[in-house]
Amino acid sequence: MQVTPAEPHCGSSSCALCRLDAEYVRERSTATDPGAMAYRKDIDGLRALAVVPVVLYHAGFSLFSGGYAGVDVFFVISGYLITGIIGEEIRQQRFSVLHFYERRIKRIFPRCLSCCCLP
């Protein structure tokens, strides 16, 4: 599978967002899983748009009271992606609940742990 990276938003090697984008592209391009979804710029764009109201709410802009719509959109996109992954694995008769949760833990736990350990 060929994955092309999106343009980094600032190009700085010290930018956390650029590093996360590069990590995501690297994970997808080196995936040995033949059922892995191809990288989709349109979905990444929607995810970025979903995050904007949340960031603006936390920045104190009163126009975005709550930021809940962004969170909802982000969860809908995640549900769409996860459902697609599960559906493809079921079609290929290789779906395992244990393997599914193992992948989620490997992907989410390190980030969660780093957020919980930061002061």
PDB file of N, CA and C in Angstrom:
ATOM      1  N   MET A   1       0.851  -1.162   0.000  1.00  0.00           N
ATOM      2  CA  MET A   1       0.000   0.000   0.000  1.00  0.00           C
ATOM      3  C   MET A   1       0.897   1.225   0.000  1.00  0.00           C
ATOM      4  N   GLN A   2       0.592   2.160  -0.858  1.00  0.00           N
ATOM      5  CA  GLN A   2       1.359   3.391  -0.963  1.00  0.00           C
ATOM      6  C   GLN A   2       0.623   4.504  -0.227  1.00  0.00           C
ATOM      7  N   VAL A   3       1.269   5.112   0.731  1.00  0.00           N
ATOM      8  CA  VAL A   3       0.669   6.190   1.502  1.00  0.00           C
ATOM      9  C   VAL A   3       1.490   7.432   1.273  1.00  0.00           C
ATOM     10  N   THR A   4       0.825   8.493   0.867  1.00  0.00           N
ATOM     11  CA  THR A   4       1.536   9.745   0.675  1.00  0.00           C
ATOM     12  C   THR A   4       1.200  10.677   1.824  1.00  0.00           C
ATOM     13  N   PRO A   5       2.204  11.262   2.426  1.00  0.00           N
ATOM     14  CA  PRO A   5       1.939  12.142   3.565  1.00  0.00           C
ATOM     15  C   PRO A   5       1.254  13.422   3.134  1.00  0.00           C
ATOM     16  N   ALA A   6       0.409  13.911   4.000  1.00  0.00           N
ATOM     17  CA  ALA A   6      -0.204  15.213   3.768  1.00  0.00           C
ATOM     18  C   ALA A   6       0.857  16.275   4.025  1.00  0.00           C
ATOM     19  N   GLU A   7       0.647  17.440   3.467  1.00  0.00           N
ATOM     20  CA  GLU A   7       1.573  18.537   3.708  1.00  0.00           C
ATOM     21  C   GLU A   7       1.604  18.854   5.197  1.00  0.00           C
ATOM     22  N   PRO A   8       2.793  18.928   5.807  1.00  0.00           N
ATOM     23  CA  PRO A   8       2.836  19.324   7.206  1.00  0.00           C
ATOM     24  C   PRO A   8       2.321  20.742   7.343  1.00  0.00           C
ATOM     25  N   HIS A   9       1.607  20.995   8.417  1.00  0.00           N
ATOM     26  CA  HIS A   9       0.981  22.304   8.529  1.00  0.00           C
ATOM     27  C   HIS A   9       1.984  23.415   8.773  1.00  0.00           C
ATOM     28  N   CYS A  10       3.153  23.097   9.360  1.00  0.00           N
ATOM     29  CA  CYS A  10       4.151  24.154   9.558  1.00  0.00           C
ATOM     30  C   CYS A  10       5.546  23.705   9.121  1.00  0.00           C
ATOM     31  N   GLY A  11       5.747  22.401   8.999  1.00  0.00           N
ATOM     32  CA  GLY A  11       7.028  21.894   8.527  1.00  0.00           C
ATOM     33  C   GLY A  11       8.117  21.827   9.581  1.00  0.00           C
ATOM     34  N   SER A  12       7.813  22.197  10.804  1.00  0.00           N
ATOM     35  CA  SER A  12       8.815  22.204  11.860  1.00  0.00           C
ATOM     36  C   SER A  12       9.010  20.797  12.418  1.00  0.00           C
ATOM     37  N   SER A  13      10.245  20.410  12.628  1.00  0.00           N
ATOM     38  CA  SER A  13      10.507  19.085  13.192  1.00  0.00           C
ATOM     39  C   SER A  13      10.166  19.021  14.677  1.00  0.00           C
ATOM     40  N   SER A  14      10.001  20.174  15.301  1.00  0.00           N
ATOM     41  CA  SER A  14       9.655  20.180  16.720  1.00  0.00           C
ATOM     42  C   SER A  14       8.152  20.289  16.947  1.00  0.00           C
ATOM     43  N   CYS A  15       7.364  20.388  15.887  1.00  0.00           N
ATOM     44  CA  CYS A  15       5.909  20.529  16.000  1.00  0.00           C
ATOM     45  C   CYS A  15       5.279  19.170  16.297  1.00  0.00           C
ATOM     46  N   ALA A  16       4.507  19.104  17.366  1.00  0.00           N
ATOM     47  CA  ALA A  16       3.878  17.846  17.774  1.00  0.00           C
ATOM     48  C   ALA A  16       2.893  17.354  16.723  1.00  0.00           C
ATOM     49  N   LEU A  17       2.129  18.249  16.107  1.00  0.00           N
ATOM     50  CA  LEU A  17       1.157  17.834  15.092  1.00  0.00           C
ATOM     51  C   LEU A  17       1.853  17.236  13.875  1.00  0.00           C
ATOM     52  N   CYS A  18       2.938  17.837  13.440  1.00  0.00           N
ATOM     53  CA  CYS A  18       3.666  17.313  12.286  1.00  0.00           C
ATOM     54  C   CYS A  18       4.267  15.940  12.596  1.00  0.00           C
ATOM     55  N   ARG A  19       4.767  15.779  13.820  1.00  0.00           N
ATOM     56  CA  ARG A  19       5.323  14.479  14.206  1.00  0.00           C
ATOM     57  C   ARG A  19       4.234  13.415  14.245  1.00  0.00           C
ATOM     58  N   LEU A  20       3.051  13.746  14.785  1.00  0.00           N
ATOM     59  CA  LEU A  20       1.950  12.782  14.831  1.00  0.00           C
ATOM     60  C   LEU A  20       1.487  12.416  13.426  1.00  0.00           C
ATOM     61  N   ASP A  21       1.416  13.403  12.527  1.00  0.00           N
ATOM     62  CA  ASP A  21       1.040  13.119  11.145  1.00  0.00           C
ATOM     63  C   ASP A  21       2.044  12.180  10.498  1.00  0.00           C
ATOM     64  N   ALA A  22       3.327  12.437  10.705  1.00  0.00           N
ATOM     65  CA  ALA A  22       4.365  11.590  10.125  1.00  0.00           C
ATOM     66  C   ALA A  22       4.282  10.179  10.696  1.00  0.00           C
ATOM     67  N   GLU A  23       4.003  10.078  12.004  1.00  0.00           N
ATOM     68  CA  GLU A  23       3.874   8.765  12.636  1.00  0.00           C
ATOM     69  C   GLU A  23       2.692   8.005  12.055  1.00  0.00           C
ATOM     70  N   TYR A  24       1.566   8.695  11.855  1.00  0.00           N
ATOM     71  CA  TYR A  24       0.380   8.063  11.294  1.00  0.00           C
ATOM     72  C   TYR A  24       0.657   7.535   9.887  1.00  0.00           C
ATOM     73  N   VAL A  25       1.293   8.354   9.063  1.00  0.00           N
ATOM     74  CA  VAL A  25       1.603   7.936   7.698  1.00  0.00           C
ATOM     75  C   VAL A  25       2.569   6.769   7.714  1.00  0.00           C
ATOM     76  N   ARG A  26       3.566   6.818   8.603  1.00  0.00           N
ATOM     77  CA  ARG A  26       4.538   5.734   8.689  1.00  0.00           C
ATOM     78  C   ARG A  26       3.859   4.431   9.102  1.00  0.00           C
ATOM     79  N   GLU A  27       2.941   4.500  10.090  1.00  0.00           N
ATOM     80  CA  GLU A  27       2.208   3.307  10.523  1.00  0.00           C
ATOM     81  C   GLU A  27       1.405   2.718   9.376  1.00  0.00           C
ATOM     82  N   ARG A  28       0.725   3.570   8.624  1.00  0.00           N
ATOM     83  CA  ARG A  28      -0.131   3.088   7.543  1.00  0.00           C
ATOM     84  C   ARG A  28       0.692   2.555   6.382  1.00  0.00           C
ATOM     85  N   SER A  29       1.842   3.168   6.094  1.00  0.00           N
ATOM     86  CA  SER A  29       2.619   2.747   4.935  1.00  0.00           C
ATOM     87  C   SER A  29       3.390   1.468   5.216  1.00  0.00           C
ATOM     88  N   THR A  30       3.667   1.174   6.476  1.00  0.00           N
ATOM     89  CA  THR A  30       4.413  -0.039   6.801  1.00  0.00           C
ATOM     90  C   THR A  30       3.499  -1.144   7.302  1.00  0.00           C
ATOM     91  N   ALA A  31       2.204  -0.934   7.195  1.00  0.00           N
ATOM     92  CA  ALA A  31       1.256  -1.936   7.679  1.00  0.00           C
ATOM     93  C   ALA A  31       1.398  -3.211   6.859  1.00  0.00           C
ATOM     94  N   THR A  32       1.531  -4.318   7.545  1.00  0.00           N
ATOM     95  CA  THR A  32       1.614  -5.606   6.868  1.00  0.00           C
ATOM     96  C   THR A  32       0.230  -6.222   6.722  1.00  0.00           C
ATOM     97  N   ASP A  33      -0.752  -5.576   7.252  1.00  0.00           N
ATOM     98  CA  ASP A  33      -2.119  -6.056   7.221  1.00  0.00           C
ATOM     99  C   ASP A  33      -2.723  -5.777   5.849  1.00  0.00           C
ATOM    100  N   PRO A  34      -3.027  -6.825   5.063  1.00  0.00           N
ATOM    101  CA  PRO A  34      -3.569  -6.587   3.731  1.00  0.00           C
ATOM    102  C   PRO A  34      -4.949  -5.940   3.756  1.00  0.00           C
ATOM    103  N   GLY A  35      -5.652  -6.027   4.866  1.00  0.00           N
ATOM    104  CA  GLY A  35      -6.971  -5.430   4.972  1.00  0.00           C
ATOM    105  C   GLY A  35      -6.950  -4.021   5.507  1.00  0.00           C
ATOM    106  N   ALA A  36      -5.758  -3.477   5.731  1.00  0.00           N
ATOM    107  CA  ALA A  36      -5.655  -2.131   6.294  1.00  0.00           C
ATOM    108  C   ALA A  36      -6.230  -1.117   5.317  1.00  0.00           C
ATOM    109  N   MET A  37      -6.943  -0.150   5.877  1.00  0.00           N
ATOM    110  CA  MET A  37      -7.540   0.880   5.033  1.00  0.00           C
ATOM    111  C   MET A  37      -6.447   1.797   4.490  1.00  0.00           C
ATOM    112  N   ALA A  38      -6.655   2.262   3.279  1.00  0.00           N
ATOM    113  CA  ALA A  38      -5.725   3.207   2.688  1.00  0.00           C
ATOM    114  C   ALA A  38      -5.894   4.569   3.366  1.00  0.00           C
ATOM    115  N   TYR A  39      -4.825   5.309   3.394  1.00  0.00           N
ATOM    116  CA  TYR A  39      -4.862   6.654   3.971  1.00  0.00           C
ATOM    117  C   TYR A  39      -5.806   7.518   3.156  1.00  0.00           C
ATOM    118  N   ARG A  40      -6.677   8.255   3.852  1.00  0.00           N
ATOM    119  CA  ARG A  40      -7.655   9.101   3.164  1.00  0.00           C
ATOM    120  C   ARG A  40      -7.522  10.534   3.643  1.00  0.00           C
ATOM    121  N   LYS A  41      -7.111  11.404   2.725  1.00  0.00           N
ATOM    122  CA  LYS A  41      -6.946  12.815   3.058  1.00  0.00           C
ATOM    123  C   LYS A  41      -8.270  13.459   3.430  1.00  0.00           C
ATOM    124  N   ASP A  42      -9.356  13.029   2.780  1.00  0.00           N
ATOM    125  CA  ASP A  42     -10.654  13.635   3.062  1.00  0.00           C
ATOM    126  C   ASP A  42     -11.090  13.394   4.506  1.00  0.00           C
ATOM    127  N   ILE A  43     -10.833  12.204   5.009  1.00  0.00           N
ATOM    128  CA  ILE A  43     -11.208  11.906   6.390  1.00  0.00           C
ATOM    129  C   ILE A  43     -10.301  12.656   7.353  1.00  0.00           C
ATOM    130  N   ASP A  44      -9.030  12.765   7.036  1.00  0.00           N
ATOM    131  CA  ASP A  44      -8.134  13.556   7.887  1.00  0.00           C
ATOM    132  C   ASP A  44      -8.578  15.013   7.926  1.00  0.00           C
ATOM    133  N   GLY A  45      -9.035  15.525   6.792  1.00  0.00           N
ATOM    134  CA  GLY A  45      -9.537  16.897   6.748  1.00  0.00           C
ATOM    135  C   GLY A  45     -10.768  17.075   7.621  1.00  0.00           C
ATOM    136  N   LEU A  46     -11.673  16.113   7.575  1.00  0.00           N
ATOM    137  CA  LEU A  46     -12.866  16.177   8.427  1.00  0.00           C
ATOM    138  C   LEU A  46     -12.493  16.109   9.905  1.00  0.00           C
ATOM    139  N   ARG A  47     -11.523  15.265  10.215  1.00  0.00           N
ATOM    140  CA  ARG A  47     -11.074  15.176  11.610  1.00  0.00           C
ATOM    141  C   ARG A  47     -10.486  16.506  12.074  1.00  0.00           C
ATOM    142  N   ALA A  48      -9.717  17.141  11.203  1.00  0.00           N
ATOM    143  CA  ALA A  48      -9.130  18.440  11.552  1.00  0.00           C
ATOM    144  C   ALA A  48     -10.222  19.480  11.766  1.00  0.00           C
ATOM    145  N   LEU A  49     -11.233  19.473  10.896  1.00  0.00           N
ATOM    146  CA  LEU A  49     -12.340  20.412  11.056  1.00  0.00           C
ATOM    147  C   LEU A  49     -13.128  20.138  12.338  1.00  0.00           C
ATOM    148  N   ALA A  50     -13.224  18.894  12.726  1.00  0.00           N
ATOM    149  CA  ALA A  50     -13.957  18.544  13.945  1.00  0.00           C
ATOM    150  C   ALA A  50     -13.227  19.023  15.190  1.00  0.00           C
ATOM    151  N   VAL A  51     -11.908  19.102  15.125  1.00  0.00           N
ATOM    152  CA  VAL A  51     -11.120  19.507  16.283  1.00  0.00           C
ATOM    153  C   VAL A  51     -11.152  21.023  16.486  1.00  0.00           C
ATOM    154  N   VAL A  52     -11.332  21.776  15.408  1.00  0.00           N
ATOM    155  CA  VAL A  52     -11.276  23.244  15.486  1.00  0.00           C
ATOM    156  C   VAL A  52     -12.247  23.821  16.520  1.00  0.00           C
ATOM    157  N   PRO A  53     -13.552  23.455  16.521  1.00  0.00           N
ATOM    158  CA  PRO A  53     -14.451  24.042  17.524  1.00  0.00           C
ATOM    159  C   PRO A  53     -14.052  23.701  18.963  1.00  0.00           C
ATOM    160  N   VAL A  54     -13.503  22.527  19.172  1.00  0.00           N
ATOM    161  CA  VAL A  54     -13.074  22.136  20.512  1.00  0.00           C
ATOM    162  C   VAL A  54     -11.911  23.012  20.966  1.00  0.00           C
ATOM    163  N   VAL A  55     -10.943  23.212  20.072  1.00  0.00           N
ATOM    164  CA  VAL A  55      -9.789  24.048  20.407  1.00  0.00           C
ATOM    165  C   VAL A  55     -10.237  25.487  20.659  1.00  0.00           C
ATOM    166  N   LEU A  56     -11.128  25.995  19.806  1.00  0.00           N
ATOM    167  CA  LEU A  56     -11.610  27.365  19.987  1.00  0.00           C
ATOM    168  C   LEU A  56     -12.391  27.522  21.292  1.00  0.00           C
ATOM    169  N   TYR A  57     -13.157  26.498  21.661  1.00  0.00           N
ATOM    170  CA  TYR A  57     -13.881  26.547  22.942  1.00  0.00           C
ATOM    171  C   TYR A  57     -12.893  26.641  24.097  1.00  0.00           C
ATOM    172  N   HIS A  58     -11.865  25.797  24.066  1.00  0.00           N
ATOM    173  CA  HIS A  58     -10.881  25.805  25.151  1.00  0.00           C
ATOM    174  C   HIS A  58     -10.014  27.056  25.138  1.00  0.00           C
ATOM    175  N   ALA A  59      -9.949  27.731  23.991  1.00  0.00           N
ATOM    176  CA  ALA A  59      -9.206  28.989  23.902  1.00  0.00           C
ATOM    177  C   ALA A  59     -10.031  30.153  24.446  1.00  0.00           C
ATOM    178  N   GLY A  60     -11.307  29.896  24.737  1.00  0.00           N
ATOM    179  CA  GLY A  60     -12.127  30.912  25.371  1.00  0.00           C
ATOM    180  C   GLY A  60     -13.038  31.702  24.456  1.00  0.00           C
ATOM    181  N   PHE A  61     -13.189  31.271  23.209  1.00  0.00           N
ATOM    182  CA  PHE A  61     -14.086  31.970  22.300  1.00  0.00           C
ATOM    183  C   PHE A  61     -15.530  31.611  22.636  1.00  0.00           C
ATOM    184  N   SER A  62     -16.334  32.625  22.944  1.00  0.00           N
ATOM    185  CA  SER A  62     -17.707  32.372  23.387  1.00  0.00           C
ATOM    186  C   SER A  62     -18.608  31.892  22.251  1.00  0.00           C
ATOM    187  N   LEU A  63     -18.215  32.100  21.009  1.00  0.00           N
ATOM    188  CA  LEU A  63     -19.002  31.648  19.871  1.00  0.00           C
ATOM    189  C   LEU A  63     -19.125  30.123  19.858  1.00  0.00           C
ATOM    190  N   PHE A  64     -18.126  29.454  20.370  1.00  0.00           N
ATOM    191  CA  PHE A  64     -18.100  27.990  20.381  1.00  0.00           C
ATOM    192  C   PHE A  64     -18.337  27.478  21.794  1.00  0.00           C
ATOM    193  N   SER A  65     -19.518  27.707  22.304  1.00  0.00           N
ATOM    194  CA  SER A  65     -19.807  27.284  23.675  1.00  0.00           C
ATOM    195  C   SER A  65     -19.991  25.769  23.723  1.00  0.00           C
ATOM    196  N   GLY A  66     -19.106  25.125  24.384  1.00  0.00           N
ATOM    197  CA  GLY A  66     -19.192  23.680  24.562  1.00  0.00           C
ATOM    198  C   GLY A  66     -18.248  22.891  23.679  1.00  0.00           C
ATOM    199  N   GLY A  67     -18.178  23.205  22.419  1.00  0.00           N
ATOM    200  CA  GLY A  67     -17.323  22.439  21.514  1.00  0.00           C
ATOM    201  C   GLY A  67     -17.801  21.018  21.308  1.00  0.00           C
ATOM    202  N   TYR A  68     -19.056  20.754  21.733  1.00  0.00           N
ATOM    203  CA  TYR A  68     -19.565  19.385  21.689  1.00  0.00           C
ATOM    204  C   TYR A  68     -19.761  18.875  20.269  1.00  0.00           C
ATOM    205  N   ALA A  69     -20.128  19.748  19.349  1.00  0.00           N
ATOM    206  CA  ALA A  69     -20.352  19.317  17.965  1.00  0.00           C
ATOM    207  C   ALA A  69     -19.070  18.737  17.376  1.00  0.00           C
ATOM    208  N   GLY A  70     -17.932  19.360  17.684  1.00  0.00           N
ATOM    209  CA  GLY A  70     -16.660  18.848  17.177  1.00  0.00           C
ATOM    210  C   GLY A  70     -16.343  17.474  17.722  1.00  0.00           C
ATOM    211  N   VAL A  71     -16.629  17.271  18.997  1.00  0.00           N
ATOM    212  CA  VAL A  71     -16.390  15.967  19.612  1.00  0.00           C
ATOM    213  C   VAL A  71     -17.312  14.926  18.979  1.00  0.00           C
ATOM    214  N   ASP A  72     -18.573  15.295  18.786  1.00  0.00           N
ATOM    215  CA  ASP A  72     -19.529  14.375  18.168  1.00  0.00           C
ATOM    216  C   ASP A  72     -19.093  13.976  16.761  1.00  0.00           C
ATOM    217  N   VAL A  73     -18.683  14.961  15.975  1.00  0.00           N
ATOM    218  CA  VAL A  73     -18.243  14.679  14.605  1.00  0.00           C
ATOM    219  C   VAL A  73     -17.013  13.778  14.627  1.00  0.00           C
ATOM    220  N   PHE A  74     -16.081  14.044  15.527  1.00  0.00           N
ATOM    221  CA  PHE A  74     -14.878  13.230  15.630  1.00  0.00           C
ATOM    222  C   PHE A  74     -15.230  11.774  15.959  1.00  0.00           C
ATOM    223  N   PHE A  75     -16.180  11.578  16.887  1.00  0.00           N
ATOM    224  CA  PHE A  75     -16.586  10.216  17.246  1.00  0.00           C
ATOM    225  C   PHE A  75     -17.330   9.528  16.098  1.00  0.00           C
ATOM    226  N   VAL A  76     -18.113  10.261  15.344  1.00  0.00           N
ATOM    227  CA  VAL A  76     -18.804   9.671  14.193  1.00  0.00           C
ATOM    228  C   VAL A  76     -17.787   9.207  13.155  1.00  0.00           C
ATOM    229  N   ILE A  77     -16.779  10.028  12.891  1.00  0.00           N
ATOM    230  CA  ILE A  77     -15.738   9.647  11.940  1.00  0.00           C
ATOM    231  C   ILE A  77     -14.991   8.408  12.435  1.00  0.00           C
ATOM    232  N   SER A  78     -14.660   8.379  13.723  1.00  0.00           N
ATOM    233  CA  SER A  78     -13.975   7.212  14.286  1.00  0.00           C
ATOM    234  C   SER A  78     -14.835   5.964  14.165  1.00  0.00           C
ATOM    235  N   GLY A  79     -16.126   6.107  14.431  1.00  0.00           N
ATOM    236  CA  GLY A  79     -17.041   4.968  14.296  1.00  0.00           C
ATOM    237  C   GLY A  79     -17.110   4.469  12.869  1.00  0.00           C
ATOM    238  N   TYR A  80     -17.112   5.386  11.925  1.00  0.00           N
ATOM    239  CA  TYR A  80     -17.121   5.015  10.512  1.00  0.00           C
ATOM    240  C   TYR A  80     -15.869   4.208  10.157  1.00  0.00           C
ATOM    241  N   LEU A  81     -14.718   4.695  10.589  1.00  0.00           N
ATOM    242  CA  LEU A  81     -13.461   3.999  10.284  1.00  0.00           C
ATOM    243  C   LEU A  81     -13.404   2.624  10.939  1.00  0.00           C
ATOM    244  N   ILE A  82     -13.784   2.553  12.207  1.00  0.00           N
ATOM    245  CA  ILE A  82     -13.724   1.279  12.935  1.00  0.00           C
ATOM    246  C   ILE A  82     -14.712   0.279  12.340  1.00  0.00           C
ATOM    247  N   THR A  83     -15.908   0.751  11.977  1.00  0.00           N
ATOM    248  CA  THR A  83     -16.890  -0.146  11.365  1.00  0.00           C
ATOM    249  C   THR A  83     -16.367  -0.695  10.041  1.00  0.00           C
ATOM    250  N   GLY A  84     -15.702   0.147   9.266  1.00  0.00           N
ATOM    251  CA  GLY A  84     -15.114  -0.312   8.011  1.00  0.00           C
ATOM    252  C   GLY A  84     -14.045  -1.366   8.221  1.00  0.00           C
ATOM    253  N   ILE A  85     -13.223  -1.171   9.231  1.00  0.00           N
ATOM    254  CA  ILE A  85     -12.166  -2.142   9.535  1.00  0.00           C
ATOM    255  C   ILE A  85     -12.774  -3.473   9.961  1.00  0.00           C
ATOM    256  N   ILE A  86     -13.748  -3.421  10.866  1.00  0.00           N
ATOM    257  CA  ILE A  86     -14.399  -4.649  11.332  1.00  0.00           C
ATOM    258  C   ILE A  86     -15.106  -5.348  10.179  1.00  0.00           C
ATOM    259  N   GLY A  87     -15.829  -4.580   9.355  1.00  0.00           N
ATOM    260  CA  GLY A  87     -16.541  -5.174   8.221  1.00  0.00           C
ATOM    261  C   GLY A  87     -15.608  -5.883   7.267  1.00  0.00           C
ATOM    262  N   GLU A  88     -14.472  -5.264   6.976  1.00  0.00           N
ATOM    263  CA  GLU A  88     -13.504  -5.884   6.066  1.00  0.00           C
ATOM    264  C   GLU A  88     -12.923  -7.168   6.665  1.00  0.00           C
ATOM    265  N   GLU A  89     -12.624  -7.150   7.949  1.00  0.00           N
ATOM    266  CA  GLU A  89     -12.083  -8.345   8.591  1.00  0.00           C
ATOM    267  C   GLU A  89     -13.121  -9.464   8.637  1.00  0.00           C
ATOM    268  N   ILE A  90     -14.379  -9.120   8.842  1.00  0.00           N
ATOM    269  CA  ILE A  90     -15.433 -10.143   8.827  1.00  0.00           C
ATOM    270  C   ILE A  90     -15.562 -10.733   7.429  1.00  0.00           C
ATOM    271  N   ARG A  91     -15.520  -9.883   6.393  1.00  0.00           N
ATOM    272  CA  ARG A  91     -15.593 -10.385   5.014  1.00  0.00           C
ATOM    273  C   ARG A  91     -14.437 -11.322   4.709  1.00  0.00           C
ATOM    274  N   GLN A  92     -13.267 -11.050   5.268  1.00  0.00           N
ATOM    275  CA  GLN A  92     -12.100 -11.897   5.035  1.00  0.00           C
ATOM    276  C   GLN A  92     -12.029 -13.059   6.028  1.00  0.00           C
ATOM    277  N   GLN A  93     -13.031 -13.172   6.869  1.00  0.00           N
ATOM    278  CA  GLN A  93     -13.140 -14.235   7.883  1.00  0.00           C
ATOM    279  C   GLN A  93     -11.908 -14.299   8.780  1.00  0.00           C
ATOM    280  N   ARG A  94     -11.455 -13.133   9.224  1.00  0.00           N
ATOM    281  CA  ARG A  94     -10.309 -13.100  10.139  1.00  0.00           C
ATOM    282  C   ARG A  94     -10.526 -12.125  11.284  1.00  0.00           C
ATOM    283  N   PHE A  95     -11.798 -11.834  11.597  1.00  0.00           N
ATOM    284  CA  PHE A  95     -12.096 -10.912  12.689  1.00  0.00           C
ATOM    285  C   PHE A  95     -11.966 -11.621  14.032  1.00  0.00           C
ATOM    286  N   SER A  96     -11.333 -10.945  14.981  1.00  0.00           N
ATOM    287  CA  SER A  96     -11.195 -11.436  16.342  1.00  0.00           C
ATOM    288  C   SER A  96     -11.389 -10.247  17.281  1.00  0.00           C
ATOM    289  N   VAL A  97     -12.306 -10.390  18.217  1.00  0.00           N
ATOM    290  CA  VAL A  97     -12.550  -9.322  19.187  1.00  0.00           C
ATOM    291  C   VAL A  97     -11.279  -9.048  19.981  1.00  0.00           C
ATOM    292  N   LEU A  98     -10.587 -10.103  20.383  1.00  0.00           N
ATOM    293  CA  LEU A  98      -9.351  -9.956  21.143  1.00  0.00           C
ATOM    294  C   LEU A  98      -8.302  -9.174  20.345  1.00  0.00           C
ATOM    295  N   HIS A  99      -8.133  -9.540  19.086  1.00  0.00           N
ATOM    296  CA  HIS A  99      -7.147  -8.846  18.233  1.00  0.00           C
ATOM    297  C   HIS A  99      -7.571  -7.390  18.014  1.00  0.00           C
ATOM    298  N   PHE A 100      -8.871  -7.157  17.846  1.00  0.00           N
ATOM    299  CA  PHE A 100      -9.381  -5.805  17.652  1.00  0.00           C
ATOM    300  C   PHE A 100      -9.032  -4.920  18.844  1.00  0.00           C
ATOM    301  N   TYR A 101      -9.344  -5.391  20.055  1.00  0.00           N
ATOM    302  CA  TYR A 101      -9.044  -4.584  21.243  1.00  0.00           C
ATOM    303  C   TYR A 101      -7.550  -4.480  21.507  1.00  0.00           C
ATOM    304  N   GLU A 102      -6.801  -5.489  21.144  1.00  0.00           N
ATOM    305  CA  GLU A 102      -5.341  -5.420  21.285  1.00  0.00           C
ATOM    306  C   GLU A 102      -4.780  -4.272  20.437  1.00  0.00           C
ATOM    307  N   ARG A 103      -5.268  -4.149  19.200  1.00  0.00           N
ATOM    308  CA  ARG A 103      -4.815  -3.050  18.334  1.00  0.00           C
ATOM    309  C   ARG A 103      -5.227  -1.696  18.894  1.00  0.00           C
ATOM    310  N   ARG A 104      -6.456  -1.587  19.421  1.00  0.00           N
ATOM    311  CA  ARG A 104      -6.905  -0.314  19.996  1.00  0.00           C
ATOM    312  C   ARG A 104      -6.025   0.069  21.176  1.00  0.00           C
ATOM    313  N   ILE A 105      -5.715  -0.893  22.045  1.00  0.00           N
ATOM    314  CA  ILE A 105      -4.889  -0.624  23.222  1.00  0.00           C
ATOM    315  C   ILE A 105      -3.488  -0.187  22.798  1.00  0.00           C
ATOM    316  N   LYS A 106      -2.909  -0.884  21.827  1.00  0.00           N
ATOM    317  CA  LYS A 106      -1.571  -0.523  21.355  1.00  0.00           C
ATOM    318  C   LYS A 106      -1.542   0.872  20.753  1.00  0.00           C
ATOM    319  N   ARG A 107      -2.633   1.277  20.147  1.00  0.00           N
ATOM    320  CA  ARG A 107      -2.665   2.589  19.504  1.00  0.00           C
ATOM    321  C   ARG A 107      -2.983   3.705  20.494  1.00  0.00           C
ATOM    322  N   ILE A 108      -3.901   3.460  21.428  1.00  0.00           N
ATOM    323  CA  ILE A 108      -4.405   4.520  22.300  1.00  0.00           C
ATOM    324  C   ILE A 108      -3.649   4.610  23.632  1.00  0.00           C
ATOM    325  N   PHE A 109      -3.289   3.491  24.209  1.00  0.00           N
ATOM    326  CA  PHE A 109      -2.716   3.493  25.555  1.00  0.00           C
ATOM    327  C   PHE A 109      -1.452   4.337  25.695  1.00  0.00           C
ATOM    328  N   PRO A 110      -0.487   4.260  24.772  1.00  0.00           N
ATOM    329  CA  PRO A 110       0.713   5.104  24.938  1.00  0.00           C
ATOM    330  C   PRO A 110       0.388   6.594  24.977  1.00  0.00           C
ATOM    331  N   ARG A 111      -0.532   7.036  24.146  1.00  0.00           N
ATOM    332  CA  ARG A 111      -0.911   8.455  24.144  1.00  0.00           C
ATOM    333  C   ARG A 111      -1.650   8.820  25.426  1.00  0.00           C
ATOM    334  N   CYS A 112      -2.522   7.927  25.858  1.00  0.00           N
ATOM    335  CA  CYS A 112      -3.273   8.160  27.095  1.00  0.00           C
ATOM    336  C   CYS A 112      -2.319   8.219  28.284  1.00  0.00           C
ATOM    337  N   LEU A 113      -1.378   7.313  28.340  1.00  0.00           N
ATOM    338  CA  LEU A 113      -0.419   7.283  29.422  1.00  0.00           C
ATOM    339  C   LEU A 113       0.432   8.551  29.437  1.00  0.00           C
ATOM    340  N   SER A 114       0.850   9.013  28.261  1.00  0.00           N
ATOM    341  CA  SER A 114       1.671  10.227  28.225  1.00  0.00           C
ATOM    342  C   SER A 114       0.857  11.438  28.688  1.00  0.00           C
ATOM    343  N   CYS A 115      -0.443  11.481  28.365  1.00  0.00           N
ATOM    344  CA  CYS A 115      -1.276  12.608  28.826  1.00  0.00           C
ATOM    345  C   CYS A 115      -1.508  12.548  30.337  1.00  0.00           C
ATOM    346  N   CYS A 116      -1.677  11.362  30.854  1.00  0.00           N
ATOM    347  CA  CYS A 116      -1.936  11.209  32.297  1.00  0.00           C
ATOM    348  C   CYS A 116      -0.681  11.496  33.125  1.00  0.00           C
ATOM    349  N   CYS A 117       0.484  11.272  32.554  1.00  0.00           N
ATOM    350  CA  CYS A 117       1.719  11.454  33.311  1.00  0.00           C
ATOM    351  C   CYS A 117       2.266  12.872  33.232  1.00  0.00           C
ATOM    352  N   LEU A 118       1.754  13.668  32.301  1.00  0.00           N
ATOM    353  CA  LEU A 118       2.229  15.048  32.209  1.00  0.00           C
ATOM    354  C   LEU A 118       1.568  15.892  33.303  1.00  0.00           C
ATOM    355  N   PRO A 119       2.341  16.807  33.899  1.00  0.00           N
ATOM    356  CA  PRO A 119       1.757  17.626  34.976  1.00  0.00           C
ATOM    357  C   PRO A 119       0.744  18.622  34.470  1.00  0.00           C
TER     358      PRO A 119
END
